[in-house]
Structure formats: structure tokens, C-alpha cells
């Protein structure tokens, strides 16, 4: 993706996010990400690798942190949306890992109905990552063969059905994950 492509993608993900009503934008500036108009937003400083830079009166992060920052923003957005729409459900971020084939899988979320806490679903969000990382991650998820796993994958990743875990429902998303679709899957069981 070109430098301007990253900037457009960042603005499409971040610019409309409810947490950033102050109009925060990400701009690439000589190897760093510059978060413009974000000083009033307490959320920005909590993002991975983002620090206040008094020289430019803005938050900055090294450009290599971009994927982690966008991933964190997606998880934050999903948490807020889930809380609004899933009133009978609880959500835990970064639940306990699942062991498979001598390795661990760290799902992004665990979901359960309050009246059935033992019936848990795991949710994994796969977004902006390199092709090698994506192949490795999908191979581990396929090997796990978890029947209670939902995989949410950015539609721009162009994964074939064969690459995805065979036993897991898959939600392809653009910009944000459809919470209603997640609820249809978990309530269908």
C-alpha cells in the first residue's frame, strides 16, 4: 500500500470512530504517524506506541506501530458496539489462551450470555497484517479446529475459503465489524 493509501485507510478507520469525535486524523510524517487534533482525546495516549510530542503539540508514533494502532482501534470500536447491541451478553478482551499443536492462540475476545456463562464463544479479528503473518495465523486457527471460534477478517485480505478455519463462522468486514452478524451467529446455537 502506498504512503497516501495508508493515510486514506487510516482516516477511513479512525476519522469516523466515535472515540475520536474531536476529529483526530492520522498523517504520515517522515517515518512517524502524527495524530492531528488529538490533544483533547484521552484515548490516543493509551494506544500502543503513541506518545505526546511537545515539539509539535500532537501525539506521535513510529510508523511501524501502525498495524497495532489500527488493530487496537478496531477492538475498541467492537467493544463499544457490542456493549450497545448485546445487552444480554458479556465480553472479555484478551481471554485466556487456547492451546493447539504445541502452540497458543490468543483470541481477541470471549463472548457469553450472562445466563449461560459456560457457553463461550471466541472471536478473532484479523485486519491489517502482512501476508506471511496472515498465512501463519490462519494455519494455526485451522489446526485448532475450534467449533466456538468466530473469525472476523478484513475483506481486503482476499482470503479464500480454503485458507480460513473450516469449522469457524467467518465474518468479512470493511472498516467495522457488524455486531448484529456476530449476534446472529452466537444466538443460532
N, C-alpha and C. Protein backbone atom coordinates (compact mmCIF):
# COMPACT_ATOMS: atom_id res chain seq x y z
N UNK A 1 0.86 -1.17 0.00
CA UNK A 1 0.00 0.00 0.00
C UNK A 1 0.90 1.23 0.00
N UNK A 2 0.55 2.19 -0.80
CA UNK A 2 1.37 3.40 -0.88
C UNK A 2 1.18 4.25 0.36
N UNK A 3 2.08 5.23 0.51
CA UNK A 3 2.00 6.12 1.67
C UNK A 3 0.66 6.84 1.72
N UNK A 4 0.19 7.34 0.58
CA UNK A 4 -1.11 8.02 0.57
C UNK A 4 -2.23 7.01 0.80
N UNK A 5 -2.03 5.76 0.35
CA UNK A 5 -3.02 4.72 0.61
C UNK A 5 -3.15 4.44 2.10
N UNK A 6 -2.03 4.38 2.82
CA UNK A 6 -2.06 4.21 4.27
C UNK A 6 -2.82 5.35 4.93
N UNK A 7 -2.54 6.56 4.48
CA UNK A 7 -3.19 7.73 5.09
C UNK A 7 -4.69 7.69 4.86
N UNK A 8 -5.14 7.35 3.63
CA UNK A 8 -6.58 7.26 3.37
C UNK A 8 -7.20 6.16 4.21
N UNK A 9 -6.51 5.00 4.31
CA UNK A 9 -7.03 3.89 5.12
C UNK A 9 -7.13 4.32 6.57
N UNK A 10 -6.10 4.96 7.09
CA UNK A 10 -6.10 5.40 8.48
C UNK A 10 -7.25 6.35 8.74
N UNK A 11 -7.45 7.30 7.85
CA UNK A 11 -8.54 8.26 8.05
C UNK A 11 -9.89 7.58 7.95
N UNK A 12 -10.02 6.56 7.09
CA UNK A 12 -11.31 5.88 6.98
C UNK A 12 -11.59 5.06 8.24
N UNK A 13 -10.56 4.51 8.85
CA UNK A 13 -10.75 3.73 10.07
C UNK A 13 -10.94 4.63 11.27
N UNK A 14 -10.09 5.62 11.39
CA UNK A 14 -10.04 6.43 12.60
C UNK A 14 -10.94 7.66 12.54
N UNK A 15 -11.01 8.30 11.39
CA UNK A 15 -11.70 9.58 11.29
C UNK A 15 -13.16 9.53 11.66
N UNK A 16 -13.84 8.41 11.46
CA UNK A 16 -15.26 8.33 11.76
C UNK A 16 -15.51 7.61 13.08
N UNK A 17 -14.49 7.22 13.78
CA UNK A 17 -14.65 6.46 15.01
C UNK A 17 -15.25 7.32 16.11
N UNK A 18 -16.22 6.76 16.83
CA UNK A 18 -16.91 7.50 17.88
C UNK A 18 -15.97 8.02 18.96
N UNK A 19 -14.90 7.30 19.25
CA UNK A 19 -13.98 7.70 20.31
C UNK A 19 -13.20 8.96 19.94
N UNK A 20 -13.22 9.32 18.69
CA UNK A 20 -12.41 10.43 18.23
C UNK A 20 -13.29 11.53 17.63
N UNK A 21 -14.31 11.94 18.37
CA UNK A 21 -15.23 12.96 17.90
C UNK A 21 -14.53 14.30 17.73
N UNK A 22 -13.39 14.47 18.32
CA UNK A 22 -12.65 15.72 18.20
C UNK A 22 -12.04 15.88 16.80
N UNK A 23 -12.20 14.89 15.93
CA UNK A 23 -11.73 15.00 14.56
C UNK A 23 -10.30 14.54 14.38
N UNK A 24 -9.85 13.56 15.12
CA UNK A 24 -8.49 13.07 15.03
C UNK A 24 -8.24 12.45 13.65
N UNK A 25 -7.09 12.74 13.09
CA UNK A 25 -6.65 12.17 11.83
C UNK A 25 -5.22 11.66 12.01
N UNK A 26 -4.90 10.60 11.28
CA UNK A 26 -3.53 10.10 11.27
C UNK A 26 -2.89 10.57 9.97
N UNK A 27 -1.70 11.15 10.10
CA UNK A 27 -0.94 11.60 8.93
C UNK A 27 0.46 11.03 9.04
N UNK A 28 1.00 10.55 7.93
CA UNK A 28 2.36 10.06 7.91
C UNK A 28 3.30 11.25 7.76
N UNK A 29 4.32 11.31 8.63
CA UNK A 29 5.24 12.43 8.62
C UNK A 29 6.66 11.91 8.86
N UNK A 30 7.43 11.71 7.79
CA UNK A 30 8.83 11.30 7.88
C UNK A 30 9.06 10.11 8.82
N UNK A 31 8.38 9.01 8.56
CA UNK A 31 8.62 7.80 9.35
C UNK A 31 7.84 7.72 10.65
N UNK A 32 7.00 8.70 10.90
CA UNK A 32 6.16 8.63 12.11
C UNK A 32 4.71 8.86 11.72
N UNK A 33 3.84 8.47 12.61
CA UNK A 33 2.42 8.75 12.47
C UNK A 33 2.14 9.96 13.34
N UNK A 34 1.49 10.95 12.78
CA UNK A 34 1.16 12.15 13.51
C UNK A 34 -0.35 12.18 13.70
N UNK A 35 -0.78 12.24 14.95
CA UNK A 35 -2.20 12.27 15.27
C UNK A 35 -2.59 13.72 15.44
N UNK A 36 -3.29 14.26 14.46
CA UNK A 36 -3.63 15.67 14.46
C UNK A 36 -4.91 15.91 15.24
N UNK A 37 -4.96 17.06 15.91
CA UNK A 37 -6.13 17.50 16.68
C UNK A 37 -6.57 16.46 17.70
N UNK A 38 -5.60 15.81 18.34
CA UNK A 38 -5.95 14.73 19.26
C UNK A 38 -5.62 15.04 20.71
N UNK A 39 -5.10 16.22 21.00
CA UNK A 39 -4.68 16.51 22.37
C UNK A 39 -5.83 16.41 23.36
N UNK A 40 -7.05 16.69 22.92
CA UNK A 40 -8.20 16.63 23.81
C UNK A 40 -8.77 15.24 23.97
N UNK A 41 -8.24 14.28 23.26
CA UNK A 41 -8.78 12.92 23.31
C UNK A 41 -7.92 12.05 24.21
N UNK A 42 -8.42 11.66 25.38
CA UNK A 42 -7.62 10.86 26.30
C UNK A 42 -7.32 9.46 25.78
N UNK A 43 -8.06 9.00 24.76
CA UNK A 43 -7.86 7.65 24.24
C UNK A 43 -6.56 7.50 23.48
N UNK A 44 -6.12 8.53 22.81
CA UNK A 44 -4.98 8.43 21.91
C UNK A 44 -3.71 8.04 22.65
N UNK A 45 -3.45 8.65 23.79
CA UNK A 45 -2.23 8.35 24.54
C UNK A 45 -2.14 6.92 25.03
N UNK A 46 -3.26 6.22 25.09
CA UNK A 46 -3.29 4.83 25.53
C UNK A 46 -3.06 3.83 24.41
N UNK A 47 -2.95 4.30 23.19
CA UNK A 47 -2.71 3.40 22.07
C UNK A 47 -1.26 2.93 22.08
N UNK A 48 -0.99 1.73 21.54
CA UNK A 48 0.37 1.19 21.60
C UNK A 48 1.38 2.05 20.85
N UNK A 49 2.40 2.50 21.57
CA UNK A 49 3.49 3.26 20.96
C UNK A 49 3.21 4.72 20.72
N UNK A 50 2.05 5.23 21.13
CA UNK A 50 1.69 6.62 20.89
C UNK A 50 2.10 7.47 22.09
N UNK A 51 2.88 8.51 21.82
CA UNK A 51 3.37 9.40 22.88
C UNK A 51 3.13 10.86 22.48
N UNK A 52 3.00 11.71 23.48
CA UNK A 52 2.85 13.14 23.24
C UNK A 52 4.20 13.72 22.84
N UNK A 53 4.20 14.52 21.79
CA UNK A 53 5.42 15.18 21.33
C UNK A 53 5.22 16.69 21.50
N UNK A 54 5.82 17.30 22.54
CA UNK A 54 5.60 18.72 22.80
C UNK A 54 6.18 19.63 21.70
N UNK A 55 7.12 19.10 20.90
CA UNK A 55 7.70 19.92 19.84
C UNK A 55 6.68 20.30 18.78
N UNK A 56 5.71 19.41 18.54
CA UNK A 56 4.69 19.68 17.52
C UNK A 56 3.29 19.76 18.12
N UNK A 57 3.19 19.67 19.44
CA UNK A 57 1.91 19.73 20.15
C UNK A 57 0.91 18.73 19.58
N UNK A 58 1.35 17.48 19.45
CA UNK A 58 0.50 16.41 18.93
C UNK A 58 1.04 15.07 19.42
N UNK A 59 0.21 14.05 19.31
CA UNK A 59 0.66 12.70 19.60
C UNK A 59 1.35 12.14 18.37
N UNK A 60 2.41 11.34 18.61
CA UNK A 60 3.16 10.70 17.53
C UNK A 60 3.40 9.24 17.87
N UNK A 61 3.62 8.45 16.82
CA UNK A 61 4.01 7.06 16.99
C UNK A 61 4.89 6.68 15.81
N UNK A 62 5.83 5.75 16.01
CA UNK A 62 6.62 5.28 14.88
C UNK A 62 5.70 4.61 13.85
N UNK A 63 5.98 4.77 12.58
CA UNK A 63 5.12 4.23 11.53
C UNK A 63 4.98 2.71 11.63
N UNK A 64 5.99 2.00 12.13
CA UNK A 64 5.88 0.55 12.24
C UNK A 64 4.81 0.12 13.25
N UNK A 65 4.32 1.03 14.08
CA UNK A 65 3.25 0.73 15.05
C UNK A 65 1.86 0.82 14.43
N UNK A 66 1.79 1.20 13.17
CA UNK A 66 0.51 1.45 12.52
C UNK A 66 -0.46 0.27 12.65
N UNK A 67 0.00 -0.93 12.32
CA UNK A 67 -0.88 -2.11 12.37
C UNK A 67 -1.43 -2.32 13.78
N UNK A 68 -0.57 -2.20 14.77
CA UNK A 68 -1.02 -2.39 16.16
C UNK A 68 -2.03 -1.32 16.56
N UNK A 69 -1.81 -0.09 16.12
CA UNK A 69 -2.72 1.01 16.47
C UNK A 69 -4.08 0.80 15.82
N UNK A 70 -4.09 0.47 14.53
CA UNK A 70 -5.36 0.25 13.84
C UNK A 70 -6.09 -0.95 14.45
N UNK A 71 -5.34 -2.02 14.79
CA UNK A 71 -5.96 -3.18 15.43
C UNK A 71 -6.60 -2.81 16.76
N UNK A 72 -5.91 -2.00 17.54
CA UNK A 72 -6.45 -1.57 18.83
C UNK A 72 -7.70 -0.72 18.64
N UNK A 73 -7.70 0.15 17.65
CA UNK A 73 -8.88 0.97 17.38
C UNK A 73 -10.07 0.10 16.98
N UNK A 74 -9.82 -0.93 16.19
CA UNK A 74 -10.92 -1.84 15.80
C UNK A 74 -11.47 -2.58 17.01
N UNK A 75 -10.58 -3.06 17.87
CA UNK A 75 -11.05 -3.77 19.08
C UNK A 75 -11.84 -2.83 19.98
N UNK A 76 -11.38 -1.58 20.12
CA UNK A 76 -12.12 -0.59 20.93
C UNK A 76 -13.51 -0.35 20.35
N UNK A 77 -13.57 -0.16 19.04
CA UNK A 77 -14.86 0.08 18.39
C UNK A 77 -15.79 -1.12 18.58
N UNK A 78 -15.26 -2.35 18.38
CA UNK A 78 -16.10 -3.53 18.55
C UNK A 78 -16.62 -3.63 19.98
N UNK A 79 -15.77 -3.34 20.96
CA UNK A 79 -16.19 -3.39 22.37
C UNK A 79 -17.35 -2.43 22.62
N UNK A 80 -17.24 -1.21 22.12
CA UNK A 80 -18.32 -0.22 22.31
C UNK A 80 -19.60 -0.65 21.61
N UNK A 81 -19.47 -1.10 20.36
CA UNK A 81 -20.65 -1.51 19.59
C UNK A 81 -21.32 -2.73 20.22
N UNK A 82 -20.52 -3.68 20.69
CA UNK A 82 -21.08 -4.89 21.31
C UNK A 82 -21.85 -4.52 22.58
N UNK A 83 -21.29 -3.63 23.38
CA UNK A 83 -21.96 -3.21 24.62
C UNK A 83 -23.31 -2.54 24.32
N UNK A 84 -23.40 -1.81 23.21
CA UNK A 84 -24.65 -1.14 22.84
C UNK A 84 -25.72 -2.11 22.35
N UNK A 85 -25.32 -3.15 21.61
CA UNK A 85 -26.28 -4.02 20.94
C UNK A 85 -26.53 -5.36 21.64
N UNK A 86 -25.62 -5.81 22.45
CA UNK A 86 -25.71 -7.15 23.05
C UNK A 86 -25.96 -7.03 24.55
N UNK A 87 -27.15 -6.61 24.89
CA UNK A 87 -27.44 -6.30 26.29
C UNK A 87 -27.46 -7.52 27.21
N UNK A 88 -27.68 -8.70 26.66
CA UNK A 88 -27.72 -9.92 27.47
C UNK A 88 -26.39 -10.68 27.46
N UNK A 89 -25.38 -10.07 26.87
CA UNK A 89 -24.11 -10.73 26.67
C UNK A 89 -22.99 -10.00 27.40
N UNK A 90 -21.97 -10.76 27.78
CA UNK A 90 -20.75 -10.19 28.33
C UNK A 90 -19.61 -10.43 27.35
N UNK A 91 -18.60 -9.60 27.47
CA UNK A 91 -17.47 -9.62 26.56
C UNK A 91 -16.20 -9.46 27.38
N UNK A 92 -15.22 -10.29 27.11
CA UNK A 92 -13.91 -10.15 27.77
C UNK A 92 -12.86 -9.98 26.68
N UNK A 93 -12.03 -8.95 26.84
CA UNK A 93 -10.93 -8.76 25.90
C UNK A 93 -9.75 -9.60 26.34
N UNK A 94 -9.04 -10.12 25.36
CA UNK A 94 -7.84 -10.92 25.59
C UNK A 94 -8.06 -11.99 26.66
N UNK A 95 -9.00 -12.93 26.39
CA UNK A 95 -9.25 -14.01 27.35
C UNK A 95 -8.07 -14.98 27.41
N UNK A 96 -8.22 -16.01 28.21
CA UNK A 96 -7.14 -16.99 28.36
C UNK A 96 -6.81 -17.61 27.00
N UNK A 97 -5.53 -17.95 26.80
CA UNK A 97 -5.13 -18.54 25.51
C UNK A 97 -5.66 -19.96 25.36
N UNK A 98 -5.72 -20.41 24.11
CA UNK A 98 -6.15 -21.76 23.77
C UNK A 98 -4.94 -22.50 23.22
N UNK A 99 -4.66 -23.69 23.77
CA UNK A 99 -3.51 -24.46 23.30
C UNK A 99 -3.91 -25.35 22.13
N UNK A 100 -3.06 -25.37 21.11
CA UNK A 100 -3.28 -26.23 19.95
C UNK A 100 -1.94 -26.55 19.31
N UNK A 101 -1.71 -27.82 19.02
CA UNK A 101 -0.49 -28.26 18.35
C UNK A 101 0.79 -27.69 18.95
N UNK A 102 0.87 -27.66 20.28
CA UNK A 102 2.06 -27.19 20.95
C UNK A 102 2.26 -25.69 20.92
N UNK A 103 1.28 -24.96 20.49
CA UNK A 103 1.38 -23.50 20.47
C UNK A 103 0.11 -22.92 21.10
N UNK A 104 0.13 -21.64 21.35
CA UNK A 104 -1.02 -20.98 21.95
C UNK A 104 -1.66 -20.02 20.96
N UNK A 105 -2.99 -19.96 21.02
CA UNK A 105 -3.75 -18.98 20.25
C UNK A 105 -4.32 -18.00 21.27
N UNK A 106 -4.15 -16.72 21.00
CA UNK A 106 -4.65 -15.67 21.89
C UNK A 106 -5.81 -14.96 21.20
N UNK A 107 -7.06 -15.41 21.45
CA UNK A 107 -8.19 -14.73 20.79
C UNK A 107 -8.34 -13.30 21.29
N UNK A 108 -8.97 -12.47 20.48
CA UNK A 108 -9.18 -11.08 20.86
C UNK A 108 -10.27 -10.95 21.92
N UNK A 109 -11.31 -11.79 21.82
CA UNK A 109 -12.45 -11.67 22.72
C UNK A 109 -13.01 -13.04 23.08
N UNK A 110 -13.68 -13.09 24.23
CA UNK A 110 -14.57 -14.20 24.59
C UNK A 110 -15.94 -13.57 24.82
N UNK A 111 -16.99 -14.24 24.35
CA UNK A 111 -18.36 -13.75 24.47
C UNK A 111 -19.21 -14.83 25.13
N UNK A 112 -20.13 -14.43 25.98
CA UNK A 112 -21.05 -15.39 26.58
C UNK A 112 -22.30 -14.67 27.05
N UNK A 113 -23.43 -15.42 26.99
CA UNK A 113 -24.68 -14.89 27.54
C UNK A 113 -24.57 -14.91 29.05
N UNK A 114 -25.09 -13.92 29.69
CA UNK A 114 -24.99 -13.84 31.15
C UNK A 114 -25.67 -15.02 31.83
N UNK A 115 -26.75 -15.52 31.24
CA UNK A 115 -27.46 -16.64 31.86
C UNK A 115 -26.86 -18.00 31.48
N UNK A 116 -25.83 -18.02 30.61
CA UNK A 116 -25.15 -19.26 30.21
C UNK A 116 -23.64 -19.03 30.12
N UNK A 117 -22.99 -18.72 31.23
CA UNK A 117 -21.57 -18.33 31.16
C UNK A 117 -20.63 -19.45 30.69
N UNK A 118 -21.05 -20.69 30.76
CA UNK A 118 -20.18 -21.79 30.33
C UNK A 118 -20.18 -21.98 28.81
N UNK A 119 -21.16 -21.41 28.13
CA UNK A 119 -21.22 -21.49 26.67
C UNK A 119 -20.54 -20.25 26.09
N UNK A 120 -19.24 -20.38 25.91
CA UNK A 120 -18.43 -19.24 25.47
C UNK A 120 -18.08 -19.35 24.00
N UNK A 121 -18.01 -18.20 23.37
CA UNK A 121 -17.53 -18.07 22.00
C UNK A 121 -16.22 -17.29 22.04
N UNK A 122 -15.34 -17.62 21.14
CA UNK A 122 -14.10 -16.85 20.98
C UNK A 122 -14.20 -16.09 19.67
N UNK A 123 -13.68 -14.89 19.66
CA UNK A 123 -13.74 -14.06 18.46
C UNK A 123 -12.34 -13.55 18.16
N UNK A 124 -11.93 -13.76 16.93
CA UNK A 124 -10.60 -13.33 16.47
C UNK A 124 -10.79 -12.33 15.34
N UNK A 125 -10.18 -11.16 15.48
CA UNK A 125 -10.24 -10.13 14.45
C UNK A 125 -8.92 -10.14 13.69
N UNK A 126 -9.02 -10.32 12.39
CA UNK A 126 -7.83 -10.30 11.54
C UNK A 126 -7.99 -9.13 10.59
N UNK A 127 -7.07 -8.19 10.70
CA UNK A 127 -7.19 -6.98 9.90
C UNK A 127 -5.97 -6.71 9.07
N UNK A 128 -5.31 -5.64 9.38
CA UNK A 128 -4.21 -5.10 8.59
C UNK A 128 -2.89 -5.77 9.01
N UNK A 129 -2.48 -6.82 8.29
CA UNK A 129 -1.24 -7.52 8.61
C UNK A 129 -0.55 -7.95 7.33
N UNK A 130 0.69 -8.38 7.44
CA UNK A 130 1.43 -8.83 6.26
C UNK A 130 0.90 -10.19 5.80
N UNK A 131 1.19 -10.52 4.57
CA UNK A 131 0.73 -11.79 4.00
C UNK A 131 1.31 -12.98 4.77
N UNK A 132 2.60 -12.92 5.16
CA UNK A 132 3.21 -14.01 5.92
C UNK A 132 2.55 -14.20 7.27
N UNK A 133 2.31 -13.10 7.97
CA UNK A 133 1.65 -13.18 9.28
C UNK A 133 0.26 -13.80 9.11
N UNK A 134 -0.45 -13.36 8.10
CA UNK A 134 -1.81 -13.84 7.86
C UNK A 134 -1.80 -15.35 7.57
N UNK A 135 -0.90 -15.82 6.72
CA UNK A 135 -0.81 -17.26 6.43
C UNK A 135 -0.54 -18.06 7.69
N UNK A 136 0.39 -17.60 8.50
CA UNK A 136 0.75 -18.29 9.75
C UNK A 136 -0.44 -18.31 10.72
N UNK A 137 -1.08 -17.18 10.87
CA UNK A 137 -2.21 -17.07 11.80
C UNK A 137 -3.36 -17.98 11.36
N UNK A 138 -3.70 -17.95 10.09
CA UNK A 138 -4.80 -18.77 9.59
C UNK A 138 -4.48 -20.26 9.70
N UNK A 139 -3.22 -20.63 9.48
CA UNK A 139 -2.83 -22.04 9.63
C UNK A 139 -3.03 -22.50 11.07
N UNK A 140 -2.65 -21.65 12.04
CA UNK A 140 -2.85 -22.01 13.45
C UNK A 140 -4.32 -22.11 13.80
N UNK A 141 -5.13 -21.20 13.28
CA UNK A 141 -6.57 -21.26 13.55
C UNK A 141 -7.21 -22.49 12.92
N UNK A 142 -6.79 -22.86 11.69
CA UNK A 142 -7.30 -24.08 11.06
C UNK A 142 -6.94 -25.31 11.88
N UNK A 143 -5.69 -25.36 12.36
CA UNK A 143 -5.23 -26.51 13.15
C UNK A 143 -5.99 -26.64 14.46
N UNK A 144 -6.44 -25.54 15.02
CA UNK A 144 -7.14 -25.57 16.31
C UNK A 144 -8.51 -26.23 16.20
N UNK A 145 -9.15 -26.13 15.05
CA UNK A 145 -10.47 -26.73 14.81
C UNK A 145 -11.45 -26.44 15.96
N UNK A 146 -11.54 -25.19 16.32
CA UNK A 146 -12.44 -24.78 17.41
C UNK A 146 -13.84 -24.56 16.85
N UNK A 147 -14.81 -25.19 17.45
CA UNK A 147 -16.20 -25.03 16.99
C UNK A 147 -16.84 -23.77 17.55
N UNK A 148 -16.20 -23.16 18.54
CA UNK A 148 -16.77 -21.96 19.16
C UNK A 148 -15.98 -20.70 18.78
N UNK A 149 -15.31 -20.73 17.65
CA UNK A 149 -14.50 -19.61 17.20
C UNK A 149 -15.20 -18.89 16.06
N UNK A 150 -15.25 -17.56 16.14
CA UNK A 150 -15.72 -16.72 15.04
C UNK A 150 -14.51 -15.93 14.54
N UNK A 151 -14.30 -15.98 13.24
CA UNK A 151 -13.19 -15.25 12.64
C UNK A 151 -13.77 -14.06 11.88
N UNK A 152 -13.33 -12.87 12.26
CA UNK A 152 -13.71 -11.64 11.56
C UNK A 152 -12.49 -11.20 10.79
N UNK A 153 -12.62 -11.16 9.47
CA UNK A 153 -11.45 -10.85 8.64
C UNK A 153 -11.76 -9.70 7.71
N UNK A 154 -10.82 -8.80 7.62
CA UNK A 154 -10.93 -7.65 6.72
C UNK A 154 -11.12 -8.17 5.30
N UNK A 155 -12.15 -7.73 4.63
CA UNK A 155 -12.46 -8.19 3.28
C UNK A 155 -11.32 -7.90 2.31
N UNK A 156 -10.51 -6.92 2.60
CA UNK A 156 -9.38 -6.59 1.72
C UNK A 156 -8.23 -7.58 1.81
N UNK A 157 -8.29 -8.53 2.74
CA UNK A 157 -7.23 -9.52 2.86
C UNK A 157 -7.31 -10.57 1.76
N UNK A 158 -8.42 -10.64 1.04
CA UNK A 158 -8.59 -11.56 -0.10
C UNK A 158 -8.27 -13.00 0.24
N UNK A 159 -8.73 -13.48 1.36
CA UNK A 159 -8.52 -14.88 1.73
C UNK A 159 -9.56 -15.76 1.05
N UNK A 160 -9.11 -16.92 0.59
CA UNK A 160 -10.05 -17.88 0.03
C UNK A 160 -10.68 -18.67 1.17
N UNK A 161 -11.79 -19.32 0.89
CA UNK A 161 -12.46 -20.12 1.91
C UNK A 161 -11.55 -21.26 2.40
N UNK A 162 -10.71 -21.79 1.51
CA UNK A 162 -9.80 -22.88 1.89
C UNK A 162 -8.75 -22.43 2.90
N UNK A 163 -8.39 -21.16 2.88
CA UNK A 163 -7.40 -20.63 3.82
C UNK A 163 -7.97 -20.42 5.22
N UNK A 164 -9.27 -20.29 5.32
CA UNK A 164 -9.93 -19.98 6.59
C UNK A 164 -10.21 -21.25 7.37
N UNK A 165 -10.37 -21.15 8.70
CA UNK A 165 -10.66 -22.33 9.51
C UNK A 165 -11.98 -22.97 9.07
N UNK A 166 -11.98 -24.29 8.82
CA UNK A 166 -13.17 -24.94 8.26
C UNK A 166 -14.36 -24.98 9.22
N UNK A 167 -14.12 -25.02 10.50
CA UNK A 167 -15.20 -25.18 11.47
C UNK A 167 -15.69 -23.86 12.04
N UNK A 168 -15.13 -22.76 11.60
CA UNK A 168 -15.44 -21.46 12.21
C UNK A 168 -16.30 -20.61 11.28
N UNK A 169 -17.34 -19.99 11.84
CA UNK A 169 -18.06 -19.00 11.04
C UNK A 169 -17.13 -17.82 10.75
N UNK A 170 -17.25 -17.27 9.55
CA UNK A 170 -16.38 -16.18 9.14
C UNK A 170 -17.24 -14.96 8.81
N UNK A 171 -16.83 -13.82 9.33
CA UNK A 171 -17.46 -12.55 9.01
C UNK A 171 -16.42 -11.71 8.29
N UNK A 172 -16.72 -11.36 7.06
CA UNK A 172 -15.84 -10.46 6.32
C UNK A 172 -16.36 -9.05 6.53
N UNK A 173 -15.46 -8.15 6.88
CA UNK A 173 -15.88 -6.79 7.20
C UNK A 173 -15.06 -5.76 6.44
N UNK A 174 -15.61 -4.59 6.35
CA UNK A 174 -14.90 -3.41 5.83
C UNK A 174 -15.06 -2.33 6.90
N UNK A 175 -13.96 -1.82 7.38
CA UNK A 175 -13.89 -0.75 8.38
C UNK A 175 -14.38 -1.16 9.75
N UNK A 176 -15.57 -1.77 9.87
CA UNK A 176 -16.01 -2.17 11.20
C UNK A 176 -16.76 -3.49 11.13
N UNK A 177 -16.76 -4.18 12.23
CA UNK A 177 -17.39 -5.50 12.33
C UNK A 177 -18.87 -5.32 12.67
N UNK A 178 -19.71 -6.03 11.95
CA UNK A 178 -21.15 -5.96 12.16
C UNK A 178 -21.51 -6.78 13.40
N UNK A 179 -21.80 -6.10 14.50
CA UNK A 179 -22.14 -6.76 15.76
C UNK A 179 -23.41 -7.60 15.60
N UNK A 180 -24.35 -7.12 14.81
CA UNK A 180 -25.60 -7.87 14.60
C UNK A 180 -25.30 -9.22 13.96
N UNK A 181 -24.35 -9.26 13.05
CA UNK A 181 -23.97 -10.53 12.41
C UNK A 181 -23.32 -11.46 13.44
N UNK A 182 -22.48 -10.92 14.31
CA UNK A 182 -21.89 -11.73 15.38
C UNK A 182 -22.99 -12.32 16.25
N UNK A 183 -23.96 -11.49 16.62
CA UNK A 183 -25.06 -11.96 17.47
C UNK A 183 -25.90 -13.02 16.76
N UNK A 184 -26.14 -12.89 15.45
CA UNK A 184 -26.88 -13.93 14.74
C UNK A 184 -26.15 -15.26 14.83
N UNK A 185 -24.83 -15.23 14.72
CA UNK A 185 -24.05 -16.48 14.79
C UNK A 185 -24.14 -17.09 16.18
N UNK A 186 -23.89 -16.30 17.22
CA UNK A 186 -23.84 -16.88 18.56
C UNK A 186 -25.22 -17.25 19.09
N UNK A 187 -26.26 -16.61 18.62
CA UNK A 187 -27.60 -16.95 19.06
C UNK A 187 -28.19 -18.12 18.28
N UNK A 188 -27.55 -18.46 17.15
CA UNK A 188 -28.02 -19.57 16.34
C UNK A 188 -27.71 -20.93 16.93
N UNK A 189 -26.88 -20.96 17.96
CA UNK A 189 -26.51 -22.23 18.59
C UNK A 189 -27.26 -22.47 19.84
